[in-house]
Amino acid sequence: MVGGSNSSSSNSTYAAILDSGSTGTRIHVFRFNQSLQLIHIDDDFEYYYKVTPGLSSYTDSPEEVVESVMTLLVRAESVVLEEYQAVTPLRLGVAPSPSSLSSHLSLLSLFLY
């Protein structure tokens, strides 16, 4: 699934970012060479997928947070070469409104413990 003109897997690394906001949660996956230049994933320099609604919609059903985020992680796993999955950093960015910050953090803590 990974391709492009600079597709040598032995010289590349990946990074994945979960971006959670009020309208949805997105996964961004990037691939880099040793010089930190972006390498194509399929036809683009980024793999992107979004699920809706935003995490703040799940305050009464935290199990749906797990389902939503797992959907994104499975998508990311499908583009990161298996040999790199265990070492690919995953970062979380949260952009909630101030009123929903505590609920976002509570729901996301399910993945930290």
N, C-alpha and C. Protein backbone atom coordinates (compact mmCIF):
# COMPACT_ATOMS: atom_id res chain seq x y z
N MET A 1 0.82 -1.19 0.00
CA MET A 1 0.00 0.00 0.00
C MET A 1 0.86 1.27 0.00
N VAL A 2 2.07 1.17 0.51
CA VAL A 2 2.95 2.32 0.55
C VAL A 2 3.72 2.37 -0.75
N GLY A 3 3.81 3.56 -1.34
CA GLY A 3 4.51 3.66 -2.61
C GLY A 3 5.14 5.01 -2.79
N GLY A 4 5.50 5.31 -4.02
CA GLY A 4 6.10 6.59 -4.33
C GLY A 4 7.50 6.41 -4.84
N SER A 5 8.09 7.50 -5.29
CA SER A 5 9.41 7.41 -5.90
C SER A 5 10.51 7.14 -4.89
N ASN A 6 10.31 7.49 -3.64
CA ASN A 6 11.30 7.26 -2.60
C ASN A 6 10.80 6.20 -1.64
N SER A 7 10.45 5.02 -2.14
CA SER A 7 9.76 4.06 -1.30
C SER A 7 10.67 3.02 -0.64
N SER A 8 11.94 3.26 -0.54
CA SER A 8 12.83 2.32 0.12
C SER A 8 12.47 2.18 1.59
N SER A 9 11.92 1.03 1.96
CA SER A 9 11.43 0.86 3.32
C SER A 9 12.55 0.82 4.34
N SER A 10 13.76 0.44 3.96
CA SER A 10 14.84 0.33 4.93
C SER A 10 15.34 1.69 5.40
N ASN A 11 15.01 2.74 4.70
CA ASN A 11 15.48 4.07 5.07
C ASN A 11 14.36 5.01 5.48
N SER A 12 13.23 4.47 5.88
CA SER A 12 12.11 5.35 6.20
C SER A 12 11.60 5.11 7.61
N THR A 13 10.81 6.06 8.06
CA THR A 13 10.15 5.98 9.36
C THR A 13 8.78 6.63 9.22
N TYR A 14 7.91 6.33 10.15
CA TYR A 14 6.55 6.85 10.13
C TYR A 14 6.26 7.64 11.40
N ALA A 15 5.24 8.46 11.33
CA ALA A 15 4.69 9.14 12.51
C ALA A 15 3.18 9.23 12.31
N ALA A 16 2.43 9.03 13.39
CA ALA A 16 0.97 9.10 13.33
C ALA A 16 0.48 10.10 14.36
N ILE A 17 -0.50 10.89 13.96
CA ILE A 17 -1.07 11.91 14.84
C ILE A 17 -2.58 11.75 14.88
N LEU A 18 -3.13 11.61 16.08
CA LEU A 18 -4.57 11.66 16.28
C LEU A 18 -4.92 13.10 16.60
N ASP A 19 -5.84 13.65 15.88
CA ASP A 19 -6.25 15.04 16.03
C ASP A 19 -7.73 15.05 16.41
N SER A 20 -8.00 15.38 17.67
CA SER A 20 -9.37 15.34 18.16
C SER A 20 -9.93 16.74 18.32
N GLY A 21 -11.07 16.98 17.72
CA GLY A 21 -11.72 18.28 17.83
C GLY A 21 -13.22 18.11 17.98
N SER A 22 -13.93 19.21 17.94
CA SER A 22 -15.37 19.17 18.17
C SER A 22 -16.14 18.55 17.01
N THR A 23 -15.59 18.58 15.81
CA THR A 23 -16.32 18.06 14.65
C THR A 23 -15.95 16.63 14.29
N GLY A 24 -14.93 16.09 14.92
CA GLY A 24 -14.52 14.73 14.62
C GLY A 24 -13.10 14.47 15.09
N THR A 25 -12.65 13.25 14.88
CA THR A 25 -11.29 12.86 15.21
C THR A 25 -10.65 12.33 13.94
N ARG A 26 -9.43 12.76 13.71
CA ARG A 26 -8.72 12.43 12.49
C ARG A 26 -7.41 11.71 12.81
N ILE A 27 -6.99 10.86 11.89
CA ILE A 27 -5.66 10.27 11.98
C ILE A 27 -4.86 10.78 10.78
N HIS A 28 -3.66 11.22 11.04
CA HIS A 28 -2.73 11.65 10.00
C HIS A 28 -1.51 10.74 10.13
N VAL A 29 -1.09 10.13 9.04
CA VAL A 29 0.11 9.30 9.04
C VAL A 29 1.07 9.89 8.02
N PHE A 30 2.31 10.08 8.45
CA PHE A 30 3.36 10.62 7.59
C PHE A 30 4.49 9.61 7.52
N ARG A 31 5.21 9.63 6.41
CA ARG A 31 6.38 8.78 6.22
C ARG A 31 7.55 9.66 5.82
N PHE A 32 8.71 9.41 6.43
CA PHE A 32 9.90 10.23 6.21
C PHE A 32 11.08 9.37 5.83
N ASN A 33 12.03 9.99 5.11
CA ASN A 33 13.30 9.30 4.88
C ASN A 33 14.28 9.73 5.97
N GLN A 34 15.53 9.30 5.87
CA GLN A 34 16.52 9.62 6.91
C GLN A 34 16.82 11.11 7.01
N SER A 35 16.56 11.86 5.95
CA SER A 35 16.77 13.32 5.97
C SER A 35 15.51 14.07 6.40
N LEU A 36 14.52 13.33 6.87
CA LEU A 36 13.23 13.87 7.31
C LEU A 36 12.44 14.53 6.18
N GLN A 37 12.69 14.09 4.96
CA GLN A 37 11.86 14.53 3.84
C GLN A 37 10.67 13.59 3.75
N LEU A 38 9.51 14.15 3.42
CA LEU A 38 8.31 13.33 3.29
C LEU A 38 8.40 12.39 2.11
N ILE A 39 7.92 11.17 2.31
CA ILE A 39 7.86 10.15 1.28
C ILE A 39 6.39 9.85 1.03
N HIS A 40 6.05 9.58 -0.21
CA HIS A 40 4.66 9.29 -0.55
C HIS A 40 4.11 8.07 0.19
N ILE A 41 2.86 8.18 0.60
CA ILE A 41 2.03 7.05 1.02
C ILE A 41 0.94 7.01 -0.03
N ASP A 42 0.96 6.00 -0.85
CA ASP A 42 0.09 5.95 -2.04
C ASP A 42 0.39 7.17 -2.91
N ASP A 43 -0.60 7.99 -3.19
CA ASP A 43 -0.40 9.12 -4.11
C ASP A 43 -0.18 10.45 -3.42
N ASP A 44 -0.04 10.46 -2.12
CA ASP A 44 0.07 11.72 -1.39
C ASP A 44 1.18 11.61 -0.35
N PHE A 45 1.48 12.72 0.30
CA PHE A 45 2.51 12.74 1.34
C PHE A 45 1.92 12.48 2.72
N GLU A 46 0.62 12.26 2.80
CA GLU A 46 -0.03 12.05 4.08
C GLU A 46 -1.20 11.08 3.87
N TYR A 47 -1.37 10.18 4.85
CA TYR A 47 -2.59 9.39 4.89
C TYR A 47 -3.50 10.08 5.90
N TYR A 48 -4.76 10.25 5.55
CA TYR A 48 -5.71 10.99 6.38
C TYR A 48 -7.05 10.26 6.39
N TYR A 49 -7.65 10.17 7.59
CA TYR A 49 -8.98 9.60 7.70
C TYR A 49 -9.67 10.26 8.88
N LYS A 50 -10.98 10.51 8.74
CA LYS A 50 -11.74 11.21 9.78
C LYS A 50 -12.97 10.41 10.16
N VAL A 51 -13.26 10.39 11.47
CA VAL A 51 -14.52 9.83 11.96
C VAL A 51 -15.27 10.93 12.69
N THR A 52 -16.59 10.86 12.62
CA THR A 52 -17.44 11.82 13.31
C THR A 52 -18.44 11.04 14.16
N PRO A 53 -18.98 11.64 15.18
CA PRO A 53 -18.83 13.01 15.65
C PRO A 53 -17.56 13.17 16.48
N GLY A 54 -17.38 14.36 17.04
CA GLY A 54 -16.24 14.63 17.91
C GLY A 54 -16.36 13.85 19.21
N LEU A 55 -15.24 13.69 19.90
CA LEU A 55 -15.21 12.90 21.13
C LEU A 55 -16.11 13.45 22.22
N SER A 56 -16.35 14.75 22.22
CA SER A 56 -17.20 15.33 23.26
C SER A 56 -18.63 14.82 23.16
N SER A 57 -19.00 14.25 22.03
CA SER A 57 -20.34 13.68 21.86
C SER A 57 -20.50 12.37 22.62
N TYR A 58 -19.41 11.81 23.10
CA TYR A 58 -19.45 10.50 23.75
C TYR A 58 -19.37 10.57 25.27
N THR A 59 -19.66 11.69 25.86
CA THR A 59 -19.49 11.82 27.31
C THR A 59 -20.34 10.82 28.09
N ASP A 60 -21.47 10.40 27.54
CA ASP A 60 -22.33 9.44 28.23
C ASP A 60 -22.08 8.00 27.81
N SER A 61 -21.20 7.80 26.85
CA SER A 61 -20.92 6.43 26.38
C SER A 61 -19.45 6.29 25.99
N PRO A 62 -18.58 6.21 27.00
CA PRO A 62 -17.14 6.16 26.72
C PRO A 62 -16.71 4.98 25.87
N GLU A 63 -17.48 3.89 25.86
CA GLU A 63 -17.10 2.75 25.03
C GLU A 63 -17.11 3.12 23.55
N GLU A 64 -17.91 4.12 23.19
CA GLU A 64 -17.93 4.57 21.79
C GLU A 64 -16.66 5.34 21.44
N VAL A 65 -16.01 5.94 22.44
CA VAL A 65 -14.72 6.60 22.20
C VAL A 65 -13.71 5.55 21.76
N VAL A 66 -13.69 4.45 22.48
CA VAL A 66 -12.75 3.38 22.15
C VAL A 66 -13.00 2.90 20.72
N GLU A 67 -14.25 2.68 20.37
CA GLU A 67 -14.59 2.22 19.02
C GLU A 67 -14.16 3.23 17.96
N SER A 68 -14.41 4.50 18.24
CA SER A 68 -14.06 5.56 17.29
C SER A 68 -12.55 5.64 17.07
N VAL A 69 -11.80 5.64 18.15
CA VAL A 69 -10.35 5.75 18.04
C VAL A 69 -9.75 4.47 17.46
N MET A 70 -10.29 3.32 17.81
CA MET A 70 -9.78 2.06 17.25
C MET A 70 -9.97 2.02 15.74
N THR A 71 -11.06 2.58 15.25
CA THR A 71 -11.27 2.66 13.80
C THR A 71 -10.10 3.39 13.15
N LEU A 72 -9.68 4.49 13.77
CA LEU A 72 -8.58 5.28 13.23
C LEU A 72 -7.25 4.53 13.33
N LEU A 73 -7.03 3.85 14.45
CA LEU A 73 -5.78 3.12 14.62
C LEU A 73 -5.66 1.97 13.63
N VAL A 74 -6.76 1.30 13.35
CA VAL A 74 -6.75 0.22 12.35
C VAL A 74 -6.42 0.79 10.98
N ARG A 75 -6.98 1.95 10.66
CA ARG A 75 -6.68 2.60 9.38
C ARG A 75 -5.19 2.95 9.29
N ALA A 76 -4.64 3.49 10.37
CA ALA A 76 -3.21 3.84 10.38
C ALA A 76 -2.36 2.59 10.21
N GLU A 77 -2.74 1.53 10.90
CA GLU A 77 -2.00 0.28 10.82
C GLU A 77 -1.97 -0.27 9.39
N SER A 78 -3.00 0.02 8.63
CA SER A 78 -3.07 -0.50 7.26
C SER A 78 -2.06 0.17 6.32
N VAL A 79 -1.54 1.34 6.68
CA VAL A 79 -0.59 2.02 5.80
C VAL A 79 0.84 2.00 6.32
N VAL A 80 1.02 1.71 7.61
CA VAL A 80 2.37 1.63 8.17
C VAL A 80 2.87 0.20 7.97
N LEU A 81 4.03 0.07 7.34
CA LEU A 81 4.60 -1.26 7.12
C LEU A 81 4.71 -1.99 8.46
N GLU A 82 4.42 -3.27 8.46
CA GLU A 82 4.38 -4.05 9.69
C GLU A 82 5.68 -3.94 10.49
N GLU A 83 6.80 -3.93 9.81
CA GLU A 83 8.10 -3.86 10.51
C GLU A 83 8.29 -2.55 11.27
N TYR A 84 7.49 -1.52 10.98
CA TYR A 84 7.61 -0.22 11.65
C TYR A 84 6.49 0.05 12.65
N GLN A 85 5.49 -0.79 12.72
CA GLN A 85 4.33 -0.49 13.56
C GLN A 85 4.68 -0.36 15.04
N ALA A 86 5.54 -1.21 15.55
CA ALA A 86 5.88 -1.17 16.97
C ALA A 86 6.70 0.05 17.36
N VAL A 87 7.37 0.67 16.39
CA VAL A 87 8.24 1.81 16.70
C VAL A 87 7.71 3.14 16.15
N THR A 88 6.54 3.12 15.55
CA THR A 88 5.97 4.36 15.00
C THR A 88 5.36 5.17 16.13
N PRO A 89 5.83 6.41 16.32
CA PRO A 89 5.25 7.23 17.38
C PRO A 89 3.82 7.63 17.05
N LEU A 90 2.99 7.65 18.07
CA LEU A 90 1.60 8.09 17.95
C LEU A 90 1.41 9.25 18.91
N ARG A 91 1.01 10.37 18.39
CA ARG A 91 0.79 11.56 19.21
C ARG A 91 -0.67 11.95 19.15
N LEU A 92 -1.11 12.63 20.20
CA LEU A 92 -2.50 13.05 20.29
C LEU A 92 -2.57 14.56 20.39
N GLY A 93 -3.38 15.15 19.54
CA GLY A 93 -3.66 16.58 19.60
C GLY A 93 -5.14 16.76 19.89
N VAL A 94 -5.46 17.57 20.88
CA VAL A 94 -6.85 17.81 21.25
C VAL A 94 -7.14 19.29 21.10
N ALA A 95 -8.21 19.60 20.38
CA ALA A 95 -8.61 21.00 20.19
C ALA A 95 -10.06 21.19 20.60
N PRO A 96 -10.38 20.87 21.86
CA PRO A 96 -11.77 21.03 22.30
C PRO A 96 -12.07 22.46 22.71
N SER A 97 -13.33 22.74 22.84
CA SER A 97 -13.72 24.02 23.42
C SER A 97 -13.39 23.96 24.90
N PRO A 98 -13.16 25.11 25.54
CA PRO A 98 -12.83 25.09 26.97
C PRO A 98 -13.87 24.35 27.81
N SER A 99 -15.13 24.41 27.43
CA SER A 99 -16.17 23.76 28.22
C SER A 99 -16.12 22.24 28.13
N SER A 100 -15.53 21.71 27.07
CA SER A 100 -15.48 20.25 26.92
C SER A 100 -14.10 19.66 27.18
N LEU A 101 -13.15 20.48 27.61
CA LEU A 101 -11.79 20.00 27.81
C LEU A 101 -11.73 18.85 28.80
N SER A 102 -12.38 18.98 29.95
CA SER A 102 -12.29 17.92 30.95
C SER A 102 -12.91 16.62 30.45
N SER A 103 -14.01 16.71 29.70
CA SER A 103 -14.61 15.47 29.19
C SER A 103 -13.72 14.82 28.14
N HIS A 104 -13.07 15.62 27.29
CA HIS A 104 -12.13 15.07 26.30
C HIS A 104 -11.00 14.33 27.01
N LEU A 105 -10.43 14.96 28.01
CA LEU A 105 -9.30 14.35 28.71
C LEU A 105 -9.71 13.09 29.44
N SER A 106 -10.89 13.10 30.04
CA SER A 106 -11.38 11.91 30.73
C SER A 106 -11.58 10.76 29.76
N LEU A 107 -12.18 11.04 28.62
CA LEU A 107 -12.43 9.99 27.64
C LEU A 107 -11.14 9.46 27.05
N LEU A 108 -10.21 10.35 26.76
CA LEU A 108 -8.95 9.92 26.15
C LEU A 108 -8.06 9.18 27.14
N SER A 109 -8.26 9.41 28.44
CA SER A 109 -7.46 8.71 29.43
C SER A 109 -7.71 7.20 29.38
N LEU A 110 -8.82 6.78 28.78
CA LEU A 110 -9.09 5.35 28.61
C LEU A 110 -7.97 4.67 27.84
N PHE A 111 -7.28 5.41 26.99
CA PHE A 111 -6.23 4.83 26.16
C PHE A 111 -4.86 4.90 26.82
N LEU A 112 -4.76 5.64 27.90
CA LEU A 112 -3.46 5.84 28.52
C LEU A 112 -3.17 4.86 29.64
N TYR A 113 -4.16 4.14 30.09
CA TYR A 113 -3.97 3.25 31.23
C TYR A 113 -4.32 1.83 30.90
